[in-house]
Amino acid sequence: MQRLDQRITALEAVQPRGTSMTIFNIIVEAASLGADCNHIESGEQQWTRQPLETEKAFIDRASVEVTRNHSIAQLIASAVHHATH
């Protein structure tokens, strides 16, 4: 994780002021290859895809709503959300 933080710091250093960047990772399980993402997380924030919402609209919504750290956000998407009990 420290290496990722270092890379983000380096990206922030060359990013023009006033712009934002979204790093979007999609986690794919072998059983769900080709499935659209329906769950996105970023730290404590979570989004679930709404009925009739396109995958692109869903990703765009999360990208706009996410709380950014120094104008950068990292989103983790998956096709299947595994609830924790």
Protein backbone atom coordinates (compact mmCIF):
# COMPACT_ATOMS: atom_id res chain seq x y z
CA MET A 1 0.00 0.00 0.00
CA GLN A 2 2.90 2.32 0.72
CA ARG A 3 4.10 1.93 -2.87
CA LEU A 4 0.66 2.93 -4.16
CA ASP A 5 0.70 5.99 -1.89
CA GLN A 6 4.10 6.95 -3.29
CA ARG A 7 2.80 6.61 -6.86
CA ILE A 8 -0.24 8.76 -6.04
CA THR A 9 2.03 11.40 -4.48
CA ALA A 10 4.14 11.42 -7.65
CA LEU A 11 1.02 11.79 -9.81
CA GLU A 12 -0.21 14.65 -7.63
CA ALA A 13 3.13 16.44 -8.07
CA VAL A 14 2.78 16.58 -11.87
CA GLN A 15 -1.00 17.08 -11.99
CA PRO A 16 -1.97 20.65 -12.94
CA ARG A 17 -3.68 22.52 -10.10
CA GLY A 18 -7.44 22.65 -10.22
CA THR A 19 -7.83 19.30 -11.97
CA SER A 20 -8.86 16.02 -10.46
CA MET A 21 -7.93 12.43 -11.18
CA THR A 22 -9.88 9.23 -10.57
CA ILE A 23 -8.07 5.91 -10.32
CA PHE A 24 -10.56 3.18 -11.09
CA ASN A 25 -9.78 -0.49 -10.36
CA ILE A 26 -12.15 -3.26 -11.39
CA ILE A 27 -11.86 -6.52 -9.46
CA VAL A 28 -12.93 -9.47 -11.61
CA GLU A 29 -13.54 -12.98 -10.34
CA ALA A 30 -13.24 -15.84 -12.82
CA ALA A 31 -16.90 -16.73 -12.27
CA SER A 32 -18.02 -13.21 -13.19
CA LEU A 33 -15.91 -12.49 -16.29
CA GLY A 34 -17.78 -10.16 -18.59
CA ALA A 35 -20.28 -9.08 -15.93
CA ASP A 36 -20.96 -5.37 -15.45
CA CYS A 37 -19.83 -3.87 -12.17
CA ASN A 38 -22.62 -3.28 -9.67
CA HIS A 39 -20.70 -2.26 -6.53
CA ILE A 40 -18.06 0.44 -6.00
CA GLU A 41 -16.12 1.30 -2.85
CA SER A 42 -13.71 4.03 -1.85
CA GLY A 43 -12.62 3.87 1.76
CA GLU A 44 -15.79 4.13 3.86
CA GLN A 45 -17.95 5.17 0.88
CA GLN A 46 -19.97 2.61 -1.07
CA TRP A 47 -22.24 2.75 -4.10
CA THR A 48 -24.65 0.17 -5.46
CA ARG A 49 -25.87 0.25 -9.03
CA GLN A 50 -29.51 1.28 -9.32
CA PRO A 51 -32.08 -0.62 -11.41
CA LEU A 52 -31.96 0.54 -15.06
CA GLU A 53 -28.74 2.52 -14.42
CA THR A 54 -26.13 1.84 -17.11
CA GLU A 55 -22.68 0.76 -16.03
CA LYS A 56 -21.19 3.98 -17.42
CA ALA A 57 -23.75 6.14 -15.58
CA PHE A 58 -23.04 4.19 -12.38
CA ILE A 59 -19.28 4.71 -12.68
CA ASP A 60 -19.77 8.39 -13.53
CA ARG A 61 -22.05 8.86 -10.49
CA ALA A 62 -19.54 7.32 -8.10
CA SER A 63 -16.70 9.34 -9.67
CA VAL A 64 -18.59 12.59 -9.04
CA GLU A 65 -19.80 11.73 -5.52
CA VAL A 66 -16.53 10.31 -4.13
CA THR A 67 -14.65 12.28 -1.48
CA ARG A 68 -11.28 13.17 -2.94
CA ASN A 69 -7.91 13.34 -1.20
CA HIS A 70 -5.89 16.18 -2.73
CA SER A 71 -8.04 16.01 -5.90
CA ILE A 72 -7.42 12.26 -6.37
CA ALA A 73 -9.90 9.45 -5.75
CA GLN A 74 -9.39 5.70 -5.93
CA LEU A 75 -12.46 3.61 -6.66
CA ILE A 76 -12.63 -0.19 -6.41
CA ALA A 77 -15.40 -1.81 -8.47
CA SER A 78 -16.67 -5.36 -8.52
CA ALA A 79 -19.36 -7.33 -10.30
CA VAL A 80 -20.48 -9.01 -7.09
CA HIS A 81 -20.60 -7.46 -3.63
CA HIS A 82 -19.83 -9.89 -0.83
CA ALA A 83 -21.58 -8.80 2.35
CA THR A 84 -19.61 -9.05 5.56
CA HIS A 85 -21.40 -10.30 8.66
